[in-house]
């Protein structure tokens, strides 16, 4: 793109006014675009600085231009407040995904652009319009514009794109069509002013094992390297126009890009990973003495794990999890180290004290115990459970109780069972439990809540 434009022939006042208002609209759209996005998208800024006209004369461009205007109008209506005229959520992408991806509007746009691409591809290689088309749509051609199936191009162009950016993409597409129409003449930009790197995703929140995505306008002849701790490695994990980089440990990384002597440098920091949270475990609660499990994702070369609440946590690399049994309550910090003794993960969980269990008498229902059942078993058995501790062992060491009808004095039995004779069962009316002494995996405590069991005769 050149640093100047030349408008062929003079236009009447109406067309000039339309052009001015359209430029004003694009300028207002820029205000809604996140500054981080504009900062690393130098090429798009130059597009916004070019005027546009709406006098499409060439038949092969009309269908594409009309669908762009139609989609622009319909999409704007879905994201702009009718009363204030402002974008409802300029930085969210849900509306973009619904309109362009789920409603297949991006596929419809691709079909028209694909037809236009087919038309220009049949022109001679030295045709000025073919050369102009190839320059203006080089990124689209690299990302599926020539494919009959428009899914790849549609997702590359619009998937997870902020609403304000989607509007700007449609405006920029109109500009390119005007350039093809011939009302605006352009020359090549000064190559030295174009940045090599277009966009970078997941920079600020990069963690060990996460993917950093670097988008380039032209990857041809590009050499990319990464340096950390004095070691330099080549980067060549490409996905279309996107270069992927995955940090293997916590550290400071310098990424260097070189194309035909033009160089750029990119510095980033990789933070520690945390345990993964899913819908299944986001409300997970940890208790001392209870076996628990934590999951992790995308941690390369894990060697060992340590924590504050278990001397021997078990690391399972095959299923990417850590199993541990906390021996104390409070915050428990986990550290994961790689084979090269580099930090990979640092995270903490809060361990609660063992909850006091509920005491039950086997065979009882609503604090009533069957006389006939008791005559058969001749045993009163106690059990301790808690709904949040399935499979956890609460061992009853002793029970203090009173046997109303036999002896009103407090009696202590050792263990969780009491044998009764037929005579004692016939006399027994109520069973009043005064206290239960319980031992868990690593703790002893007394349950002092009194409750009464009635013998139904």
Protein backbone atom coordinates (compact mmCIF):
# COMPACT_ATOMS: atom_id res chain seq x y z
CA UNK A 1 0.00 0.00 0.00
CA UNK A 2 1.31 3.48 -0.82
CA UNK A 3 1.51 6.54 1.38
CA UNK A 4 -0.89 8.39 -0.93
CA UNK A 5 -4.07 7.75 -2.94
CA UNK A 6 -5.24 9.01 -6.29
CA UNK A 7 -8.96 9.37 -7.00
CA UNK A 8 -9.83 8.88 -10.66
CA UNK A 9 -12.12 11.59 -12.05
CA UNK A 10 -14.03 14.03 -9.96
CA UNK A 11 -17.02 12.80 -8.00
CA UNK A 12 -20.15 14.74 -7.30
CA UNK A 13 -20.80 16.18 -3.85
CA UNK A 14 -23.06 13.31 -2.83
CA UNK A 15 -20.40 10.64 -3.34
CA UNK A 16 -17.80 12.75 -1.56
CA UNK A 17 -20.13 13.19 1.41
CA UNK A 18 -20.79 9.43 1.55
CA UNK A 19 -17.05 8.76 1.50
CA UNK A 20 -16.45 11.23 4.33
CA UNK A 21 -19.21 9.75 6.49
CA UNK A 22 -17.91 6.23 5.87
CA UNK A 23 -14.41 7.24 6.94
CA UNK A 24 -15.91 8.75 10.08
CA UNK A 25 -17.70 5.47 10.78
CA UNK A 26 -14.46 3.51 10.47
CA UNK A 27 -12.67 6.00 12.74
CA UNK A 28 -15.32 5.51 15.40
CA UNK A 29 -14.95 1.74 15.03
CA UNK A 30 -11.24 2.07 15.80
CA UNK A 31 -12.07 3.59 19.18
CA UNK A 32 -13.84 0.35 20.12
CA UNK A 33 -10.90 -1.92 19.21
CA UNK A 34 -8.65 -2.97 22.15
CA UNK A 35 -5.41 -1.01 21.95
CA UNK A 36 -3.34 -4.20 22.33
CA UNK A 37 -4.93 -5.55 19.16
CA UNK A 38 -4.21 -2.39 17.16
CA UNK A 39 -0.65 -2.18 18.46
CA UNK A 40 0.37 -5.51 16.99
CA UNK A 41 -1.72 -5.21 13.84
CA UNK A 42 0.18 -2.54 11.95
CA UNK A 43 -1.04 -3.60 8.49
CA UNK A 44 -4.71 -3.14 9.43
CA UNK A 45 -4.12 0.44 10.59
CA UNK A 46 -2.89 1.46 7.12
CA UNK A 47 -6.14 0.14 5.64
CA UNK A 48 -8.17 2.45 7.86
CA UNK A 49 -6.23 5.45 6.57
CA UNK A 50 -7.33 4.90 2.94
CA UNK A 51 -10.55 6.51 1.62
CA UNK A 52 -13.30 4.38 0.14
CA UNK A 53 -15.84 4.85 -2.63
CA UNK A 54 -19.03 2.94 -3.28
CA UNK A 55 -19.30 3.21 -7.10
CA UNK A 56 -18.75 -0.43 -8.05
CA UNK A 57 -18.70 -0.64 -11.85
CA UNK A 58 -17.31 -4.11 -12.53
CA UNK A 59 -19.91 -6.88 -12.67
CA UNK A 60 -17.65 -9.55 -11.15
CA UNK A 61 -17.33 -7.46 -7.96
CA UNK A 62 -20.98 -6.52 -7.48
CA UNK A 63 -22.18 -9.76 -5.85
CA UNK A 64 -19.31 -9.78 -3.34
CA UNK A 65 -19.70 -6.09 -2.55
CA UNK A 66 -23.44 -6.39 -2.05
CA UNK A 67 -23.16 -9.34 0.37
CA UNK A 68 -20.44 -7.52 2.35
CA UNK A 69 -22.74 -4.46 2.69
CA UNK A 70 -25.66 -6.73 3.61
CA UNK A 71 -23.70 -8.62 6.28
CA UNK A 72 -22.27 -5.37 7.61
CA UNK A 73 -25.76 -3.93 8.05
CA UNK A 74 -27.25 -7.09 9.59
CA UNK A 75 -24.34 -7.74 11.95
CA UNK A 76 -24.19 -4.13 13.12
CA UNK A 77 -27.89 -4.31 13.96
CA UNK A 78 -27.27 -7.30 16.27
CA UNK A 79 -24.47 -5.69 18.30
CA UNK A 80 -25.45 -1.98 18.42
CA UNK A 81 -27.87 -0.51 20.95
CA UNK A 82 -30.77 0.95 18.97
CA UNK A 83 -31.20 3.85 21.38
CA UNK A 84 -27.61 4.93 22.00
CA UNK A 85 -26.05 3.73 18.75
CA UNK A 86 -23.12 2.28 20.70
CA UNK A 87 -21.73 -1.25 20.65
CA UNK A 88 -23.24 -3.32 23.46
CA UNK A 89 -20.09 -5.38 24.16
CA UNK A 90 -17.26 -4.34 21.81
CA UNK A 91 -14.75 -6.84 23.18
CA UNK A 92 -16.93 -9.96 23.38
CA UNK A 93 -16.96 -12.51 20.57
CA UNK A 94 -20.11 -14.53 21.27
CA UNK A 95 -22.22 -12.41 18.89
CA UNK A 96 -19.57 -12.80 16.17
CA UNK A 97 -19.50 -16.60 16.55
CA UNK A 98 -23.30 -16.81 16.43
CA UNK A 99 -23.75 -14.52 13.41
CA UNK A 100 -20.81 -15.65 11.26
CA UNK A 101 -20.14 -19.25 12.37
CA UNK A 102 -23.39 -20.75 13.67
CA UNK A 103 -25.64 -18.92 11.17
CA UNK A 104 -23.19 -19.74 8.32
CA UNK A 105 -22.94 -16.11 7.16
CA UNK A 106 -19.16 -16.50 6.92
CA UNK A 107 -19.68 -19.50 4.62
CA UNK A 108 -21.99 -17.42 2.39
CA UNK A 109 -19.36 -14.69 2.20
CA UNK A 110 -16.69 -17.28 1.42
CA UNK A 111 -18.75 -18.65 -1.49
CA UNK A 112 -18.85 -15.23 -3.18
CA UNK A 113 -15.17 -14.55 -2.49
CA UNK A 114 -14.27 -18.04 -3.74
CA UNK A 115 -16.09 -17.33 -7.02
CA UNK A 116 -14.22 -14.04 -7.29
CA UNK A 117 -10.92 -15.82 -6.63
CA UNK A 118 -11.72 -18.39 -9.31
CA UNK A 119 -12.43 -15.60 -11.79
CA UNK A 120 -9.09 -13.88 -11.17
CA UNK A 121 -7.16 -17.18 -11.15
CA UNK A 122 -8.17 -17.74 -14.80
CA UNK A 123 -6.63 -14.43 -15.92
CA UNK A 124 -3.10 -14.33 -17.40
CA UNK A 125 -0.29 -14.26 -14.83
CA UNK A 126 0.80 -10.78 -15.96
CA UNK A 127 -2.70 -9.30 -15.77
CA UNK A 128 -2.59 -6.23 -13.52
CA UNK A 129 -5.94 -7.06 -11.88
CA UNK A 130 -4.85 -10.63 -11.10
CA UNK A 131 -1.62 -9.34 -9.55
CA UNK A 132 -3.59 -6.79 -7.50
CA UNK A 133 -6.05 -9.44 -6.31
CA UNK A 134 -3.25 -11.81 -5.25
CA UNK A 135 -1.58 -9.00 -3.26
CA UNK A 136 -4.77 -7.84 -1.56
CA UNK A 137 -5.97 -11.35 -0.63
CA UNK A 138 -2.65 -13.11 0.04
CA UNK A 139 -3.55 -13.95 3.64
CA UNK A 140 -7.03 -15.20 2.69
CA UNK A 141 -5.55 -17.37 -0.06
CA UNK A 142 -3.12 -18.88 2.46
CA UNK A 143 -5.98 -19.68 4.84
CA UNK A 144 -8.53 -21.49 2.72
CA UNK A 145 -10.07 -18.94 0.34
CA UNK A 146 -9.44 -21.28 -2.63
CA UNK A 147 -11.04 -24.24 -0.85
CA UNK A 148 -14.57 -25.18 -1.92
CA UNK A 149 -15.37 -25.86 1.72
CA UNK A 150 -15.26 -22.49 3.44
CA UNK A 151 -15.00 -23.80 7.02
CA UNK A 152 -11.25 -23.21 7.37
CA UNK A 153 -11.45 -19.64 6.01
CA UNK A 154 -14.57 -18.81 8.06
CA UNK A 155 -12.99 -19.91 11.35
CA UNK A 156 -9.69 -18.19 10.54
CA UNK A 157 -11.48 -14.93 9.75
CA UNK A 158 -14.26 -14.72 12.30
CA UNK A 159 -14.09 -17.41 15.03
CA UNK A 160 -13.64 -15.84 18.50
CA UNK A 161 -13.19 -12.40 16.90
CA UNK A 162 -14.31 -9.42 19.06
CA UNK A 163 -17.40 -7.67 17.71
CA UNK A 164 -15.60 -4.36 17.12
CA UNK A 165 -12.85 -6.15 15.19
CA UNK A 166 -15.40 -8.03 13.04
CA UNK A 167 -16.94 -4.70 11.98
CA UNK A 168 -13.50 -3.42 11.02
CA UNK A 169 -12.79 -6.59 9.02
CA UNK A 170 -15.93 -6.02 6.94
CA UNK A 171 -14.98 -2.37 6.40
CA UNK A 172 -11.47 -3.40 5.38
CA UNK A 173 -12.93 -5.95 2.94
CA UNK A 174 -15.00 -3.20 1.30
CA UNK A 175 -11.83 -1.17 0.88
CA UNK A 176 -10.09 -4.04 -0.86
CA UNK A 177 -13.02 -4.46 -3.25
CA UNK A 178 -12.88 -0.75 -4.04
CA UNK A 179 -9.19 -1.11 -4.78
CA UNK A 180 -9.95 -3.94 -7.20
CA UNK A 181 -12.72 -1.84 -8.76
CA UNK A 182 -10.10 0.71 -9.78
CA UNK A 183 -11.50 3.87 -8.22
CA UNK A 184 -8.46 3.93 -5.92
CA UNK A 185 -4.98 3.31 -7.22
CA UNK A 186 -2.42 1.88 -4.84
CA UNK A 187 1.25 1.06 -4.99
CA UNK A 188 3.30 -1.28 -2.86
CA UNK A 189 3.95 -0.24 0.74
CA UNK A 190 7.48 0.37 1.88
CA UNK A 191 8.42 -3.12 3.01
CA UNK A 192 10.74 -1.90 5.72
CA UNK A 193 7.79 -0.26 7.52
CA UNK A 194 5.73 -3.44 7.71
CA UNK A 195 6.14 -5.47 10.90
CA UNK A 196 6.91 -9.18 10.57
CA UNK A 197 4.60 -10.12 13.44
CA UNK A 198 0.89 -9.38 13.01
CA UNK A 199 -0.72 -10.78 16.14
CA UNK A 200 0.23 -12.61 19.33
CA UNK A 201 -2.24 -14.56 21.47
CA UNK A 202 -1.96 -15.71 25.09
CA UNK A 203 1.05 -13.49 25.87
CA UNK A 204 0.05 -12.09 29.25
CA UNK A 205 -1.30 -15.38 30.69
CA UNK A 206 1.31 -17.77 29.29
CA UNK A 207 2.01 -20.77 31.54
CA UNK A 208 4.18 -23.86 31.22
CA UNK A 209 2.66 -26.20 28.63
CA UNK A 210 0.37 -23.51 27.16
CA UNK A 211 0.52 -22.55 23.48
CA UNK A 212 1.68 -19.11 22.43
CA UNK A 213 0.25 -18.28 18.98
CA UNK A 214 2.19 -15.88 16.74
CA UNK A 215 0.51 -14.80 13.49
CA UNK A 216 2.63 -13.57 10.57
CA UNK A 217 1.52 -11.86 7.37
CA UNK A 218 4.13 -13.73 5.34
CA UNK A 219 6.03 -16.72 6.71
CA UNK A 220 8.13 -17.28 3.59
CA UNK A 221 11.89 -17.13 4.25
CA UNK A 222 11.14 -16.43 7.93
CA UNK A 223 13.59 -17.80 10.48
CA UNK A 224 12.38 -17.99 14.07
CA UNK A 225 14.43 -18.88 17.15
CA UNK A 226 13.89 -18.87 20.91
CA UNK A 227 16.58 -18.24 23.53
CA UNK A 228 16.33 -19.08 27.23
CA UNK A 229 19.13 -19.52 29.73
CA UNK A 230 21.77 -19.09 27.05
CA UNK A 231 20.35 -21.88 24.86
CA UNK A 232 18.93 -21.09 21.41
CA UNK A 233 16.52 -23.37 19.52
CA UNK A 234 14.76 -23.08 16.16
CA UNK A 235 10.97 -22.71 16.01
CA UNK A 236 9.17 -24.47 13.17
CA UNK A 237 5.79 -25.62 14.57
CA UNK A 238 3.53 -23.93 11.99
CA UNK A 239 -0.23 -24.13 11.59
CA UNK A 240 -1.07 -22.12 8.48
CA UNK A 241 0.17 -18.58 9.09
CA UNK A 242 0.45 -19.20 12.85
CA UNK A 243 3.66 -20.17 14.65
CA UNK A 244 3.15 -22.14 17.88
CA UNK A 245 5.53 -21.98 20.84
CA UNK A 246 5.07 -24.03 24.03
CA UNK A 247 7.34 -23.16 27.00
CA UNK A 248 8.67 -26.27 28.74
CA UNK A 249 9.40 -24.61 32.11
CA UNK A 250 9.18 -21.34 34.00
CA UNK A 251 11.55 -18.70 32.67
CA UNK A 252 12.26 -15.65 30.50
CA UNK A 253 12.24 -16.26 26.74
CA UNK A 254 13.52 -14.16 23.83
CA UNK A 255 11.98 -14.91 20.44
CA UNK A 256 13.90 -13.64 17.38
CA UNK A 257 12.47 -13.37 13.86
CA UNK A 258 14.55 -12.75 10.73
CA UNK A 259 13.41 -12.48 7.12
CA UNK A 260 15.94 -11.39 4.51
CA UNK A 261 17.87 -9.33 7.03
CA UNK A 262 14.83 -7.67 8.60
CA UNK A 263 14.75 -8.59 12.29
CA UNK A 264 12.30 -8.35 15.16
CA UNK A 265 12.56 -9.46 18.80
CA UNK A 266 9.80 -10.56 21.14
CA UNK A 267 10.29 -11.04 24.90
CA UNK A 268 7.93 -12.99 27.13
CA UNK A 269 7.73 -14.64 30.54
CA UNK A 270 6.33 -18.07 31.28
CA UNK A 271 4.61 -18.52 34.65
CA UNK A 272 3.98 -21.64 36.69
CA UNK A 273 1.16 -23.97 35.82
CA UNK A 274 -1.71 -24.70 38.21
CA UNK A 275 -3.88 -27.77 38.65
CA UNK A 276 -6.66 -28.08 36.07
CA UNK A 277 -10.23 -27.25 37.07
CA UNK A 278 -13.17 -28.95 35.35
CA UNK A 279 -16.91 -29.08 35.95
CA UNK A 280 -16.38 -32.35 37.79
CA UNK A 281 -13.84 -31.08 40.33
CA UNK A 282 -14.39 -27.32 40.61
CA UNK A 283 -16.22 -27.79 43.94
CA UNK A 284 -13.81 -30.38 45.29
CA UNK A 285 -13.22 -30.25 49.05
CA UNK A 286 -10.13 -31.60 50.80
CA UNK A 287 -10.06 -33.06 54.34
CA UNK A 288 -7.18 -34.21 56.47
CA UNK A 289 -6.83 -37.97 56.39
CA UNK A 290 -8.95 -38.35 53.24
CA UNK A 291 -7.33 -39.62 50.04
CA UNK A 292 -7.64 -36.96 47.33
CA UNK A 293 -6.62 -36.42 43.73
CA UNK A 294 -5.55 -33.36 41.69
CA UNK A 295 -5.28 -33.29 37.89
CA UNK A 296 -2.84 -31.38 35.68
CA UNK A 297 -2.55 -30.83 31.93
CA UNK A 298 0.23 -30.25 29.39
CA UNK A 299 3.18 -30.53 31.75
CA UNK A 300 6.19 -31.79 29.80
CA UNK A 301 8.92 -33.89 31.37
CA UNK A 302 7.52 -34.05 34.94
CA UNK A 303 9.98 -35.66 37.36
CA UNK A 304 8.68 -35.21 40.92
CA UNK A 305 6.08 -33.56 43.14
CA UNK A 306 6.24 -32.35 46.75
CA UNK A 307 3.66 -30.84 49.07
CA UNK A 308 3.31 -29.51 52.64
CA UNK A 309 0.59 -31.90 53.81
CA UNK A 310 1.80 -35.31 52.64
CA UNK A 311 5.36 -36.65 52.87
CA UNK A 312 4.81 -39.09 49.99
CA UNK A 313 2.37 -37.81 47.37
CA UNK A 314 1.96 -40.16 44.41
CA UNK A 315 2.63 -38.79 40.92
CA UNK A 316 0.90 -40.60 38.05
CA UNK A 317 2.27 -39.50 34.67
CA UNK A 318 0.03 -41.83 32.68
CA UNK A 319 -3.21 -40.17 33.82
CA UNK A 320 -1.70 -36.76 34.72
CA UNK A 321 -2.72 -36.64 38.37
CA UNK A 322 -1.35 -36.42 41.91
CA UNK A 323 -2.81 -38.51 44.74
CA UNK A 324 -2.21 -37.53 48.35
CA UNK A 325 -3.52 -38.03 51.90
CA UNK A 326 -3.25 -34.80 53.95
CA UNK A 327 -2.03 -35.33 57.49
CA UNK A 328 -2.86 -31.78 58.65
CA UNK A 329 -5.35 -29.03 57.90
CA UNK A 330 -4.58 -25.59 56.45
CA UNK A 331 -3.02 -24.49 53.18
CA UNK A 332 -1.07 -27.18 51.33
CA UNK A 333 1.40 -26.05 48.66
CA UNK A 334 2.39 -28.30 45.73
CA UNK A 335 5.59 -28.00 43.68
CA UNK A 336 6.33 -29.96 40.48
CA UNK A 337 9.84 -30.20 39.06
CA UNK A 338 11.07 -31.35 35.63
CA UNK A 339 13.88 -33.83 34.92
CA UNK A 340 16.17 -30.85 34.49
CA UNK A 341 15.23 -29.62 37.97
CA UNK A 342 13.19 -26.74 36.49
CA UNK A 343 9.99 -25.45 38.08
CA UNK A 344 6.81 -26.49 36.25
CA UNK A 345 3.87 -26.13 38.65
CA UNK A 346 3.16 -24.23 41.84
CA UNK A 347 -0.32 -24.36 43.33
CA UNK A 348 -2.09 -24.62 46.69
CA UNK A 349 -5.25 -26.18 48.07
CA UNK A 350 -6.92 -25.69 51.45
CA UNK A 351 -7.28 -28.79 53.62
CA UNK A 352 -10.12 -28.76 56.15
CA UNK A 353 -10.25 -30.53 59.47
CA UNK A 354 -11.92 -33.92 59.61
CA UNK A 355 -15.67 -33.26 59.88
CA UNK A 356 -17.45 -34.62 62.94
CA UNK A 357 -19.44 -37.68 61.82
CA UNK A 358 -23.04 -38.58 62.47
CA UNK A 359 -23.62 -41.50 64.87
CA UNK A 360 -26.05 -44.25 63.84
CA UNK A 361 -27.39 -47.39 65.48
CA UNK A 362 -27.48 -50.22 62.95
CA UNK A 363 -31.02 -51.29 62.10
CA UNK A 364 -32.66 -48.17 63.58
CA UNK A 365 -35.06 -45.95 61.67
CA UNK A 366 -35.95 -42.43 62.79
CA UNK A 367 -34.43 -43.15 66.22
CA UNK A 368 -36.50 -46.31 66.65
CA UNK A 369 -35.09 -49.81 67.01
CA UNK A 370 -37.19 -52.94 66.44
CA UNK A 371 -37.61 -55.15 69.52
CA UNK A 372 -37.99 -58.32 67.45
CA UNK A 373 -34.82 -57.51 65.44
CA UNK A 374 -32.92 -56.89 68.66
CA UNK A 375 -34.09 -60.23 70.06
CA UNK A 376 -32.71 -61.92 66.96
CA UNK A 377 -29.31 -60.22 66.86
CA UNK A 378 -28.91 -59.62 70.62
CA UNK A 379 -26.43 -56.91 69.60
CA UNK A 380 -26.57 -53.13 69.53
CA UNK A 381 -24.05 -51.84 66.94
CA UNK A 382 -22.95 -48.24 66.45
CA UNK A 383 -21.57 -46.68 63.27
CA UNK A 384 -20.09 -43.28 62.39
CA UNK A 385 -20.37 -41.71 58.92
CA UNK A 386 -20.28 -38.38 57.14
CA UNK A 387 -21.86 -37.69 53.69
CA UNK A 388 -18.77 -35.86 52.40
CA UNK A 389 -16.41 -38.65 53.48
CA UNK A 390 -17.49 -41.79 51.60
CA UNK A 391 -15.19 -44.71 52.31
CA UNK A 392 -13.43 -42.80 55.10
CA UNK A 393 -12.84 -44.83 58.28
CA UNK A 394 -14.27 -43.44 61.51
CA UNK A 395 -13.29 -46.02 64.14
CA UNK A 396 -15.49 -46.00 67.26
CA UNK A 397 -13.28 -46.77 70.24
CA UNK A 398 -15.86 -46.36 73.03
CA UNK A 399 -19.46 -45.30 73.68
CA UNK A 400 -20.95 -43.82 76.86
CA UNK A 401 -24.67 -44.54 77.23
CA UNK A 402 -27.54 -45.18 79.59
CA UNK A 403 -29.85 -48.18 79.29
CA UNK A 404 -33.21 -46.91 80.52
CA UNK A 405 -35.25 -49.76 81.98
CA UNK A 406 -32.15 -51.75 82.96
CA UNK A 407 -29.87 -49.28 84.71
CA UNK A 408 -30.01 -45.48 84.63
CA UNK A 409 -26.28 -45.13 85.34
CA UNK A 410 -23.88 -44.14 82.55
CA UNK A 411 -22.18 -47.20 81.12
CA UNK A 412 -19.08 -47.30 78.92
CA UNK A 413 -18.66 -49.97 76.28
CA UNK A 414 -15.39 -50.57 74.44
CA UNK A 415 -15.64 -50.69 70.68
CA UNK A 416 -18.80 -50.22 68.63
CA UNK A 417 -20.88 -53.22 69.71
CA UNK A 418 -22.74 -54.18 72.89
CA UNK A 419 -24.06 -57.70 73.54
CA UNK A 420 -27.42 -58.03 75.35
CA UNK A 421 -29.16 -60.92 77.07
CA UNK A 422 -32.84 -61.76 76.50
CA UNK A 423 -33.67 -60.44 79.95
CA UNK A 424 -31.91 -57.13 79.32
CA UNK A 425 -33.70 -56.68 75.97
CA UNK A 426 -37.11 -57.32 77.60
CA UNK A 427 -36.40 -54.63 80.23
CA UNK A 428 -34.81 -52.09 77.85
CA UNK A 429 -37.06 -49.13 76.96
CA UNK A 430 -34.72 -46.40 75.78
CA UNK A 431 -31.09 -46.16 74.78
CA UNK A 432 -29.57 -42.73 75.57
CA UNK A 433 -26.16 -42.13 73.95
CA UNK A 434 -24.15 -39.57 75.94
CA UNK A 435 -20.76 -39.51 74.12
CA UNK A 436 -18.85 -41.39 71.44
CA UNK A 437 -15.05 -41.50 71.26
CA UNK A 438 -13.82 -41.74 67.65
CA UNK A 439 -10.43 -42.22 66.04
CA UNK A 440 -9.84 -41.28 62.41
CA UNK A 441 -6.70 -41.77 60.30
CA UNK A 442 -4.67 -39.24 62.26
CA UNK A 443 -6.97 -37.68 64.81
CA UNK A 444 -9.09 -38.50 67.89
CA UNK A 445 -12.17 -36.61 68.99
CA UNK A 446 -15.39 -37.01 71.02
CA UNK A 447 -18.93 -36.63 69.70
CA UNK A 448 -20.83 -35.21 72.68
CA UNK A 449 -24.20 -34.69 71.04
CA UNK A 450 -26.79 -36.69 73.00
CA UNK A 451 -29.48 -38.68 71.18
CA UNK A 452 -32.15 -41.22 72.21
CA UNK A 453 -33.11 -44.55 70.60
CA UNK A 454 -36.53 -45.97 71.50
CA UNK A 455 -37.15 -49.73 71.57
CA UNK A 456 -40.39 -50.53 69.71
CA UNK A 457 -42.14 -53.48 71.31
